[in-house]
Amino acid sequence: MSVAPELPTTLNDREALRLPDGNDLYLQLKLNTCHVFPGDVDPVRFRQALAKTLARFPHAAGRLRHDEQGWRIDLTNSPVPVEVVEDRKRDEILPSDIRHSVVHKSEDVQNFHIPVSLEGAVMGEDVPLITFKLTKLTKTGETVLGLSWNHVLGDATTLKILMQTLSQYYQGLPPPPSPTFHKRTWPQPPSDKEGEALYEQYVPHMLKSYPLADVIAKYTAEALTSSMVDFTFTKAQQDKLLALANKQRAQNGRDEAAVKVTQQDALSAYLITLHNRCLDKPIHNAMYMMNYRTRSEDENALYRHPRNAGNCIYLPTFDVSASHSLHDLARTIRNNIVKARTTEFLETYLMLNGNAQKDALETGRFHIYPAESVVLINSLAKDDLGRTAHFGFPGKSQYYTDVSWERMFRIFPANPVKKDDGRWESNEGSVVVAFRVKTELKDKMTAMYEDDMRSLAHDQPLGSEMSLPSGKLSWLVRNIVWVLRQRFRSKE
């Protein structure tokens, strides 16, 4: 079964959507997601809602193409695959004790998708950029809505708006405002030493590119030698981390009128200290995935429109090697986020990153990040894809995805969970963090996290509160202290 857009579409006056901005060209990535509902999703109503949704997002029903002018999505209004199946054997989609988590192993959720073909899309084949699969779990009465999304269509915000639109149409409710599709062309950066210095300053992760085979080999090897960890932070725990960061500022004599760190800053800082205490190589730099859309609809900056469909994200990198305490790290993160939000920084970054991305793709090369001693912070804590697209099950829909990398912190709102007595626990305000770590370090890092959360509960100092010099000595002292604390706890 397949569904074509309802005509006319919002881009009915165009034959193609040009992609002149290299920042849109995430051709090597896809998003696989699952929405789980505690009841039926009617296939007929779903198809009708999807046809209306595709009319607002016609690029999703297009085909990726390349010519001498660059990349484009032909607006072919092609039918989108929708598979409807019934699973009579599966007892549950996931064990109940991990259903609050969002990121899971690919093998746990892969049967609920029709994977889009990234290779086929890049080669110009007639392959879809988005697919859907509805699976009815007979034993539980649940419905799983699986989606596979070529990242060239847009980022998580674009996907969220599409799924909100689909959910609203399905329920017979007014959809959110239509997306915009403004694309910007950036000038060529300087090619002299000044240009080289700009690349090193703004986009160090783009300085090296690799053949696709090397990229695949790198992530395959990483998957074989690492394991995923998944940590939950309740709202109370996040509040305490923030209070601890602010307490350190007061103790260090910080000016209260100075930069004010946020809950997210404190959480990111804590995750860095956790790595620094566990790994033998301290974290030197942090990359922060940021959304550059604004709340205004400034006609002079349409590429930053709040509903612009595309990859409106950037990854500024900043040095955290001189920051050791929780607050110093949180303050460093906040200061650099503020700097990265300036128009001058943003447009310089997008010019450099976009051109580097296009140049690499022209030669069939890709970039690898985060590098050694670098973390990538990717927080969707405020973009609740599960609760905003609930298809008539508010407070009871769950959201799952896959893919985890070493030193990439993927942060999501925790899912609501149905308890044994039938009540739903909302987990409102809680977040879950997923990333990979070398398998031999997983138990150690998990024990450190659990030890820290017990300390938080009793208002005791965390291991991350130590202000020590970075390097081997710091790593050795931190680990000695951690071992001693573990021994003392075992005697309590």
Protein backbone atom coordinates (compact mmCIF):
# COMPACT_ATOMS: atom_id res chain seq x y z
CA MET A 1 0.00 0.00 0.00
CA SER A 2 1.18 3.55 -0.67
CA VAL A 3 -0.14 7.08 -0.24
CA ALA A 4 0.37 10.04 -2.57
CA PRO A 5 0.06 13.71 -1.53
CA GLU A 6 -3.31 15.36 -1.78
CA LEU A 7 -3.21 17.95 -4.60
CA PRO A 8 -2.42 20.76 -4.88
CA THR A 9 0.59 20.79 -2.57
CA THR A 10 2.14 23.83 -0.89
CA LEU A 11 4.97 23.70 -3.47
CA ASN A 12 2.67 23.17 -6.45
CA ASP A 13 4.38 25.99 -8.36
CA ARG A 14 7.79 24.28 -8.28
CA GLU A 15 9.19 21.24 -10.02
CA ALA A 16 12.08 20.79 -7.60
CA LEU A 17 13.42 21.96 -4.26
CA ARG A 18 17.02 23.01 -4.78
CA LEU A 19 19.50 22.30 -1.96
CA PRO A 20 22.24 24.93 -2.51
CA ASP A 21 23.17 24.98 1.19
CA GLY A 22 25.62 22.21 2.01
CA ASN A 23 24.35 22.28 5.59
CA ASP A 24 21.23 20.48 4.32
CA LEU A 25 23.20 17.61 2.82
CA TYR A 26 23.11 14.94 5.51
CA LEU A 27 23.00 12.29 2.79
CA GLN A 28 24.66 9.58 4.89
CA LEU A 29 22.17 9.63 7.77
CA LYS A 30 18.62 8.48 8.39
CA LEU A 31 16.24 8.57 11.34
CA ASN A 32 14.35 5.44 12.33
CA THR A 33 11.63 6.07 14.91
CA CYS A 34 8.72 4.27 16.56
CA HIS A 35 5.61 5.76 18.13
CA VAL A 36 3.76 3.26 20.32
CA PHE A 37 0.10 3.75 21.23
CA PRO A 38 -2.00 1.72 23.70
CA GLY A 39 -4.78 1.11 21.20
CA ASP A 40 -5.74 0.97 17.54
CA VAL A 41 -4.69 3.33 14.77
CA ASP A 42 -7.22 3.07 11.96
CA PRO A 43 -5.38 2.46 8.64
CA VAL A 44 -8.00 4.25 6.54
CA ARG A 45 -7.94 7.42 8.65
CA PHE A 46 -4.15 7.20 8.75
CA ARG A 47 -3.89 7.12 4.94
CA GLN A 48 -6.25 10.08 4.62
CA ALA A 49 -4.28 12.07 7.20
CA LEU A 50 -0.99 11.18 5.52
CA ALA A 51 -2.20 12.40 2.10
CA LYS A 52 -3.06 15.78 3.65
CA THR A 53 0.26 15.90 5.51
CA LEU A 54 2.30 15.15 2.39
CA ALA A 55 0.53 18.05 0.67
CA ARG A 56 2.20 20.30 3.26
CA PHE A 57 5.52 18.43 3.10
CA PRO A 58 5.71 17.56 -0.61
CA HIS A 59 9.49 17.17 -0.55
CA ALA A 60 8.91 14.00 1.51
CA ALA A 61 7.15 12.53 -1.54
CA GLY A 62 10.00 13.54 -3.85
CA ARG A 63 13.17 11.98 -5.20
CA LEU A 64 16.78 13.02 -4.55
CA ARG A 65 18.71 14.01 -7.66
CA HIS A 66 22.06 15.54 -8.59
CA ASP A 67 23.17 17.54 -11.63
CA GLU A 68 25.80 20.11 -12.58
CA GLN A 69 24.06 22.69 -10.39
CA GLY A 70 24.19 20.49 -7.31
CA TRP A 71 21.65 18.51 -5.27
CA ARG A 72 17.89 18.84 -5.45
CA ILE A 73 14.69 17.02 -4.48
CA ASP A 74 12.39 16.60 -7.47
CA LEU A 75 8.81 17.21 -6.38
CA THR A 76 7.40 14.13 -8.06
CA ASN A 77 4.44 13.65 -5.68
CA SER A 78 5.36 9.97 -5.62
CA PRO A 79 3.33 7.59 -3.44
CA VAL A 80 4.92 6.93 -0.03
CA PRO A 81 5.08 3.28 1.12
CA VAL A 82 2.77 2.42 4.02
CA GLU A 83 2.78 -1.17 5.28
CA VAL A 84 0.07 -2.46 7.65
CA VAL A 85 0.77 -5.72 9.47
CA GLU A 86 -0.50 -7.70 12.46
CA ASP A 87 1.91 -9.36 14.87
CA ARG A 88 0.24 -12.21 16.77
CA LYS A 89 3.41 -13.61 18.39
CA ARG A 90 5.20 -10.73 20.10
CA ASP A 91 4.35 -10.31 23.78
CA GLU A 92 5.64 -6.72 23.97
CA ILE A 93 7.66 -4.25 21.94
CA LEU A 94 10.20 -3.87 24.76
CA PRO A 95 10.53 -5.11 28.36
CA SER A 96 8.51 -2.93 30.74
CA ASP A 97 11.54 -1.89 32.81
CA ILE A 98 13.18 -0.09 29.87
CA ARG A 99 10.16 1.42 28.13
CA HIS A 100 10.83 4.82 29.70
CA SER A 101 14.08 4.96 27.69
CA VAL A 102 14.12 6.29 24.13
CA VAL A 103 17.28 5.02 22.41
CA HIS A 104 17.49 1.25 21.91
CA LYS A 105 19.51 -1.24 19.92
CA SER A 106 18.69 -1.30 16.22
CA GLU A 107 17.81 -5.00 16.40
CA ASP A 108 15.16 -4.23 19.03
CA VAL A 109 13.17 -1.91 16.77
CA GLN A 110 14.23 -2.71 13.20
CA ASN A 111 11.26 -4.99 12.51
CA PHE A 112 8.93 -2.01 12.88
CA HIS A 113 10.42 -0.04 9.97
CA ILE A 114 10.68 -0.15 6.21
CA PRO A 115 14.24 1.22 5.95
CA VAL A 116 14.84 3.97 3.42
CA SER A 117 17.76 3.34 1.08
CA LEU A 118 20.44 6.01 1.53
CA GLU A 119 22.64 4.51 -1.18
CA GLY A 120 19.75 4.30 -3.63
CA ALA A 121 18.79 7.93 -2.99
CA VAL A 122 22.35 9.19 -3.54
CA MET A 123 22.65 7.13 -6.74
CA GLY A 124 19.50 8.78 -8.10
CA GLU A 125 17.37 5.65 -8.01
CA ASP A 126 13.58 5.78 -7.75
CA VAL A 127 13.50 5.17 -3.99
CA PRO A 128 11.36 6.90 -1.35
CA LEU A 129 12.78 9.37 1.17
CA ILE A 130 10.24 8.41 3.84
CA THR A 131 8.34 5.22 4.69
CA PHE A 132 5.72 4.18 7.26
CA LYS A 133 4.75 0.88 8.87
CA LEU A 134 1.76 0.24 11.14
CA THR A 135 2.11 -2.89 13.30
CA LYS A 136 -0.76 -4.14 15.44
CA LEU A 137 0.47 -6.15 18.45
CA THR A 138 -2.40 -8.54 19.01
CA LYS A 139 -1.34 -9.74 22.47
CA THR A 140 -0.95 -6.26 23.99
CA GLY A 141 -3.52 -4.33 21.92
CA GLU A 142 -0.85 -1.75 21.07
CA THR A 143 -0.07 -0.18 17.70
CA VAL A 144 3.46 0.67 16.62
CA LEU A 145 3.90 3.42 14.03
CA GLY A 146 7.35 2.98 12.53
CA LEU A 147 8.92 5.64 10.34
CA SER A 148 12.17 5.75 8.36
CA TRP A 149 13.32 9.22 7.29
CA ASN A 150 16.16 10.26 5.01
CA HIS A 151 17.97 13.04 6.90
CA VAL A 152 18.17 15.14 3.73
CA LEU A 153 14.48 15.95 4.34
CA GLY A 154 15.30 17.78 7.55
CA ASP A 155 16.27 17.59 11.20
CA ALA A 156 14.33 16.39 14.23
CA THR A 157 12.36 19.65 14.38
CA THR A 158 11.19 19.18 10.79
CA LEU A 159 10.18 15.61 11.61
CA LYS A 160 8.38 16.77 14.75
CA ILE A 161 6.30 19.30 12.79
CA LEU A 162 5.44 16.65 10.18
CA MET A 163 4.37 14.15 12.84
CA GLN A 164 2.35 16.80 14.71
CA THR A 165 0.59 17.61 11.44
CA LEU A 166 -0.12 13.93 10.77
CA SER A 167 -1.41 13.40 14.31
CA GLN A 168 -3.71 16.42 14.16
CA TYR A 169 -5.16 15.46 10.78
CA TYR A 170 -5.71 11.91 12.04
CA GLN A 171 -7.71 13.24 14.98
CA GLY A 172 -9.74 15.60 12.78
CA LEU A 173 -8.11 18.66 14.41
CA PRO A 174 -6.61 21.78 12.79
CA PRO A 175 -2.96 21.20 11.85
CA PRO A 176 -0.11 23.46 12.95
CA PRO A 177 0.93 26.22 10.50
CA SER A 178 2.51 25.00 7.26
CA PRO A 179 6.30 24.75 7.05
CA THR A 180 8.45 27.03 4.92
CA PHE A 181 11.16 25.82 2.53
CA HIS A 182 13.59 28.72 2.31
CA LYS A 183 17.12 27.76 1.28
CA ARG A 184 20.13 30.06 1.35
CA THR A 185 23.26 30.10 -0.80
CA TRP A 186 26.45 30.98 1.06
CA PRO A 187 29.50 32.70 -0.48
CA GLN A 188 32.77 30.87 -0.96
CA PRO A 189 35.07 31.20 2.07
CA PRO A 190 38.59 32.63 1.73
CA SER A 191 41.07 30.15 0.28
CA ASP A 192 44.20 31.66 1.83
CA LYS A 193 45.72 31.24 5.30
CA GLU A 194 42.93 33.40 6.72
CA GLY A 195 40.42 30.85 5.42
CA GLU A 196 42.40 27.96 6.94
CA ALA A 197 42.37 29.72 10.30
CA LEU A 198 38.60 30.22 10.07
CA TYR A 199 38.06 26.50 9.43
CA GLU A 200 40.18 25.60 12.45
CA GLN A 201 38.32 28.11 14.62
CA TYR A 202 34.72 27.45 13.55
CA VAL A 203 34.50 23.93 12.04
CA PRO A 204 37.48 21.83 13.16
CA HIS A 205 35.41 18.67 12.62
CA MET A 206 35.31 19.42 8.88
CA LEU A 207 39.08 19.63 8.36
CA LYS A 208 39.37 15.94 7.48
CA SER A 209 37.14 13.84 5.27
CA TYR A 210 37.18 10.13 4.54
CA PRO A 211 35.97 7.65 1.92
CA LEU A 212 32.62 6.11 2.79
CA ALA A 213 34.25 2.70 3.33
CA ASP A 214 36.46 4.17 6.07
CA VAL A 215 33.47 5.79 7.76
CA ILE A 216 31.53 2.52 7.76
CA ALA A 217 34.58 0.63 9.05
CA LYS A 218 35.06 3.12 11.88
CA TYR A 219 31.49 2.91 13.18
CA THR A 220 31.36 -0.87 12.67
CA ALA A 221 34.51 -1.33 14.76
CA GLU A 222 33.14 1.02 17.41
CA ALA A 223 29.92 -0.98 17.66
CA LEU A 224 31.90 -4.18 18.24
CA THR A 225 34.06 -2.77 21.05
CA SER A 226 31.53 -0.59 22.87
CA SER A 227 28.19 -0.92 24.66
CA MET A 228 25.32 1.49 25.08
CA VAL A 229 24.61 3.01 28.47
CA ASP A 230 21.32 4.63 29.32
CA PHE A 231 20.99 6.94 32.34
CA THR A 232 17.81 8.52 33.68
CA PHE A 233 17.77 11.90 35.42
CA THR A 234 14.57 12.87 37.22
CA LYS A 235 13.54 16.50 37.41
CA ALA A 236 14.61 16.52 41.08
CA GLN A 237 18.07 15.21 40.15
CA GLN A 238 18.45 17.81 37.39
CA ASP A 239 17.38 20.54 39.82
CA LYS A 240 20.01 19.37 42.28
CA LEU A 241 22.74 19.34 39.64
CA LEU A 242 21.83 22.91 38.74
CA ALA A 243 21.75 23.94 42.40
CA LEU A 244 25.16 22.33 42.89
CA ALA A 245 26.61 24.23 39.93
CA ASN A 246 25.22 27.49 41.30
CA LYS A 247 26.50 26.63 44.79
CA GLN A 248 30.00 26.20 43.40
CA ARG A 249 29.69 29.59 41.72
CA ALA A 250 28.84 31.22 45.06
CA GLN A 251 31.68 29.40 46.83
CA ASN A 252 34.13 30.49 44.16
CA GLY A 253 33.04 34.09 44.49
CA ARG A 254 31.40 34.29 41.11
CA ASP A 255 29.50 37.44 40.25
CA GLU A 256 25.82 36.54 40.55
CA ALA A 257 25.11 38.98 37.73
CA ALA A 258 27.41 37.00 35.45
CA VAL A 259 26.26 34.31 33.02
CA LYS A 260 23.48 32.15 34.42
CA VAL A 261 23.79 28.48 33.63
CA THR A 262 20.74 26.37 32.80
CA GLN A 263 19.59 22.93 33.84
CA GLN A 264 20.76 21.56 30.49
CA ASP A 265 24.20 23.17 30.97
CA ALA A 266 24.56 21.53 34.39
CA LEU A 267 23.52 18.12 33.03
CA SER A 268 25.94 18.37 30.09
CA ALA A 269 28.73 19.42 32.45
CA TYR A 270 28.01 16.47 34.73
CA LEU A 271 28.21 14.03 31.80
CA ILE A 272 31.61 15.44 30.85
CA THR A 273 32.91 15.07 34.41
CA LEU A 274 31.61 11.50 34.43
CA HIS A 275 33.70 10.74 31.35
CA ASN A 276 36.74 12.53 32.74
CA ARG A 277 36.60 10.41 35.89
CA CYS A 278 36.21 7.17 33.96
CA LEU A 279 38.32 7.52 30.80
CA ASP A 280 42.12 7.67 30.68
CA LYS A 281 41.93 10.51 28.15
CA PRO A 282 40.10 13.59 29.46
CA ILE A 283 37.58 15.44 27.31
CA HIS A 284 39.20 18.47 25.68
CA ASN A 285 36.40 19.79 23.46
CA ALA A 286 32.63 19.72 23.33
CA MET A 287 30.44 19.96 20.24
CA TYR A 288 26.90 21.19 20.85
CA MET A 289 24.15 20.45 18.35
CA MET A 290 22.10 23.64 18.12
CA ASN A 291 18.94 24.66 16.29
CA TYR A 292 19.32 28.07 14.63
CA ARG A 293 15.64 28.72 13.99
CA THR A 294 14.32 31.79 15.80
CA ARG A 295 10.93 32.58 17.27
CA SER A 296 10.38 35.53 14.96
CA GLU A 297 9.44 35.48 11.27
CA ASP A 298 12.00 38.09 10.19
CA GLU A 299 11.78 38.52 6.42
CA ASN A 300 15.50 39.35 6.38
CA ALA A 301 16.39 35.95 7.83
CA LEU A 302 13.94 33.50 6.28
CA TYR A 303 16.45 30.68 6.56
CA ARG A 304 15.92 30.97 10.34
CA HIS A 305 12.11 30.85 10.14
CA PRO A 306 10.67 28.93 13.14
CA ARG A 307 8.95 26.41 10.83
CA ASN A 308 11.60 26.16 8.12
CA ALA A 309 11.76 22.56 6.86
CA GLY A 310 15.36 21.42 6.52
CA ASN A 311 18.48 20.74 8.51
CA CYS A 312 18.57 23.98 10.48
CA ILE A 313 21.24 22.73 12.86
CA TYR A 314 24.89 23.49 13.51
CA LEU A 315 27.65 22.06 15.68
CA PRO A 316 29.90 24.68 17.28
CA THR A 317 32.97 23.26 19.02
CA PHE A 318 34.52 24.77 22.12
CA ASP A 319 37.40 24.07 24.46
CA VAL A 320 36.50 22.65 27.88
CA SER A 321 39.97 21.45 28.91
CA ALA A 322 40.52 24.35 31.34
CA SER A 323 37.20 23.74 33.15
CA HIS A 324 37.18 21.13 35.91
CA SER A 325 34.37 21.81 38.39
CA LEU A 326 30.72 21.25 37.54
CA HIS A 327 30.02 24.98 37.48
CA ASP A 328 33.12 25.93 35.48
CA LEU A 329 32.13 23.41 32.81
CA ALA A 330 28.49 24.53 32.83
CA ARG A 331 29.57 28.17 32.61
CA THR A 332 31.95 27.40 29.71
CA ILE A 333 29.13 25.64 27.87
CA ARG A 334 26.70 28.51 28.44
CA ASN A 335 29.20 31.22 27.43
CA ASN A 336 29.96 29.42 24.17
CA ILE A 337 26.28 28.81 23.40
CA VAL A 338 25.62 32.54 23.82
CA LYS A 339 28.55 33.32 21.52
CA ALA A 340 27.43 30.75 18.95
CA ARG A 341 23.97 32.32 18.76
CA THR A 342 25.30 35.63 17.43
CA THR A 343 24.56 36.28 13.77
CA GLU A 344 28.26 36.77 12.99
CA PHE A 345 29.25 33.39 14.43
CA LEU A 346 26.27 31.54 12.92
CA GLU A 347 26.68 32.83 9.38
CA THR A 348 30.45 32.32 9.39
CA TYR A 349 29.92 28.75 10.60
CA LEU A 350 27.23 27.98 8.02
CA MET A 351 29.36 29.41 5.20
CA LEU A 352 32.37 27.27 6.14
CA ASN A 353 30.49 24.09 7.08
CA GLY A 354 28.17 24.20 4.07
CA ASN A 355 30.99 24.62 1.56
CA ALA A 356 33.11 21.92 3.22
CA GLN A 357 30.14 19.54 3.15
CA LYS A 358 29.47 20.16 -0.55
CA ASP A 359 33.15 19.85 -1.51
CA ALA A 360 33.48 16.53 0.32
CA LEU A 361 30.34 15.07 -1.23
CA GLU A 362 31.52 15.98 -4.74
CA THR A 363 34.45 13.60 -4.21
CA GLY A 364 32.43 10.95 -2.38
CA ARG A 365 33.92 11.70 1.02
CA PHE A 366 32.35 12.15 4.46
CA HIS A 367 33.26 13.45 7.89
CA ILE A 368 33.67 11.56 11.18
CA TYR A 369 32.81 13.10 14.52
CA PRO A 370 33.08 13.33 17.45
CA ALA A 371 36.85 12.76 17.44
CA GLU A 372 38.88 11.36 20.33
CA SER A 373 38.65 13.52 23.48
CA VAL A 374 35.57 15.27 22.06
CA VAL A 375 31.95 14.88 23.15
CA LEU A 376 28.89 15.72 21.06
CA ILE A 377 25.88 16.98 23.04
CA ASN A 378 22.62 16.37 21.17
CA SER A 379 19.68 17.33 23.37
CA LEU A 380 16.07 17.00 22.27
CA ALA A 381 14.79 17.45 25.81
CA LYS A 382 12.55 20.32 24.67
CA ASP A 383 11.44 18.64 21.43
CA ASP A 384 9.13 15.98 22.82
CA LEU A 385 8.35 13.96 19.69
CA GLY A 386 6.39 11.37 21.66
CA ARG A 387 3.97 13.61 23.52
CA THR A 388 3.34 16.08 20.69
CA ALA A 389 2.28 13.41 18.16
CA HIS A 390 0.02 11.20 20.26
CA PHE A 391 -2.73 10.32 17.70
CA GLY A 392 -5.45 10.60 20.32
CA PHE A 393 -3.57 8.99 23.20
CA PRO A 394 -2.31 12.01 25.18
CA GLY A 395 0.03 11.11 28.01
CA LYS A 396 0.15 7.49 26.85
CA SER A 397 2.21 7.51 23.65
CA GLN A 398 5.83 6.40 23.71
CA TYR A 399 8.69 7.30 21.37
CA TYR A 400 11.69 5.15 20.44
CA THR A 401 14.66 5.44 18.13
CA ASP A 402 18.02 3.79 17.56
CA VAL A 403 21.68 4.75 16.88
CA SER A 404 24.20 5.55 19.57
CA TRP A 405 27.85 6.57 19.29
CA GLU A 406 30.75 6.83 21.68
CA ARG A 407 30.90 10.25 23.37
CA MET A 408 27.63 11.41 21.76
CA PHE A 409 25.10 12.29 24.45
CA ARG A 410 21.58 11.82 23.05
CA ILE A 411 19.16 13.42 25.50
CA PHE A 412 15.38 12.91 25.30
CA PRO A 413 12.33 13.37 27.55
CA ALA A 414 11.60 10.08 29.30
CA ASN A 415 8.60 8.14 28.04
CA PRO A 416 5.43 7.73 30.10
CA VAL A 417 5.08 4.15 31.36
CA LYS A 418 2.05 2.02 32.20
CA LYS A 419 2.39 0.43 35.64
CA ASP A 420 1.23 -3.05 36.64
CA ASP A 421 -1.92 -1.62 38.24
CA GLY A 422 -2.92 0.08 34.96
CA ARG A 423 -1.94 3.61 36.01
CA TRP A 424 0.26 5.69 33.73
CA GLU A 425 3.38 7.28 35.20
CA SER A 426 4.08 10.43 33.19
CA ASN A 427 7.80 10.83 33.99
CA GLU A 428 7.19 14.50 33.24
CA GLY A 429 10.41 16.48 33.54
CA SER A 430 12.67 13.40 33.54
CA VAL A 431 15.20 12.90 30.77
CA VAL A 432 17.09 9.86 29.52
CA VAL A 433 20.65 10.06 28.19
CA ALA A 434 22.09 7.43 25.86
CA PHE A 435 25.64 7.03 24.54
CA ARG A 436 28.20 4.31 23.96
CA VAL A 437 31.30 3.56 26.03
CA LYS A 438 34.03 0.94 25.72
CA THR A 439 32.48 -2.32 26.91
CA GLU A 440 35.09 -2.88 29.61
CA LEU A 441 34.22 0.52 31.14
CA LYS A 442 30.43 0.22 31.10
CA ASP A 443 30.06 -1.27 34.59
CA LYS A 444 32.50 1.22 36.06
CA MET A 445 30.76 4.24 34.55
CA THR A 446 27.35 2.91 35.57
CA ALA A 447 28.55 2.45 39.15
CA MET A 448 29.92 6.01 39.19
CA TYR A 449 26.59 7.38 37.97
CA GLU A 450 24.65 5.37 40.58
CA ASP A 451 27.06 6.48 43.29
CA ASP A 452 26.60 10.12 42.24
CA MET A 453 22.82 9.86 42.24
CA ARG A 454 22.88 8.43 45.78
CA SER A 455 25.13 11.31 46.81
CA LEU A 456 22.72 13.80 45.24
CA ALA A 457 19.81 12.27 47.13
CA HIS A 458 21.64 12.77 50.43
CA ASP A 459 23.08 16.19 49.51
CA GLN A 460 26.60 14.79 49.63
CA PRO A 461 29.52 15.89 47.39
CA LEU A 462 29.85 14.24 44.00
CA GLY A 463 33.07 12.86 42.58
CA SER A 464 32.64 15.49 39.85
CA GLU A 465 33.04 18.30 42.40
CA MET A 466 36.80 17.74 42.65
CA SER A 467 38.81 20.52 40.98
CA LEU A 468 41.91 18.70 39.74
CA PRO A 469 44.33 19.32 36.88
CA SER A 470 43.54 17.42 33.70
CA GLY A 471 45.71 14.60 32.41
CA LYS A 472 47.01 11.27 33.67
CA LEU A 473 47.53 12.41 37.27
CA SER A 474 43.98 13.74 37.44
CA TRP A 475 42.64 10.48 36.06
CA LEU A 476 44.67 8.42 38.56
CA VAL A 477 43.63 10.47 41.60
CA ARG A 478 39.95 10.47 40.59
CA ASN A 479 39.97 6.70 40.24
CA ILE A 480 41.72 6.16 43.58
CA VAL A 481 39.13 8.35 45.29
CA TRP A 482 36.30 6.52 43.53
CA VAL A 483 37.63 3.10 44.61
CA LEU A 484 37.99 4.24 48.21
CA ARG A 485 34.43 5.63 48.24
CA GLN A 486 33.12 2.33 46.86
CA ARG A 487 34.88 0.41 49.61
CA PHE A 488 33.55 2.65 52.33
CA ARG A 489 30.01 2.32 50.92
CA SER A 490 30.29 -1.47 50.89
CA LYS A 491 31.00 -1.42 54.62
CA GLU A 492 27.96 0.73 55.47
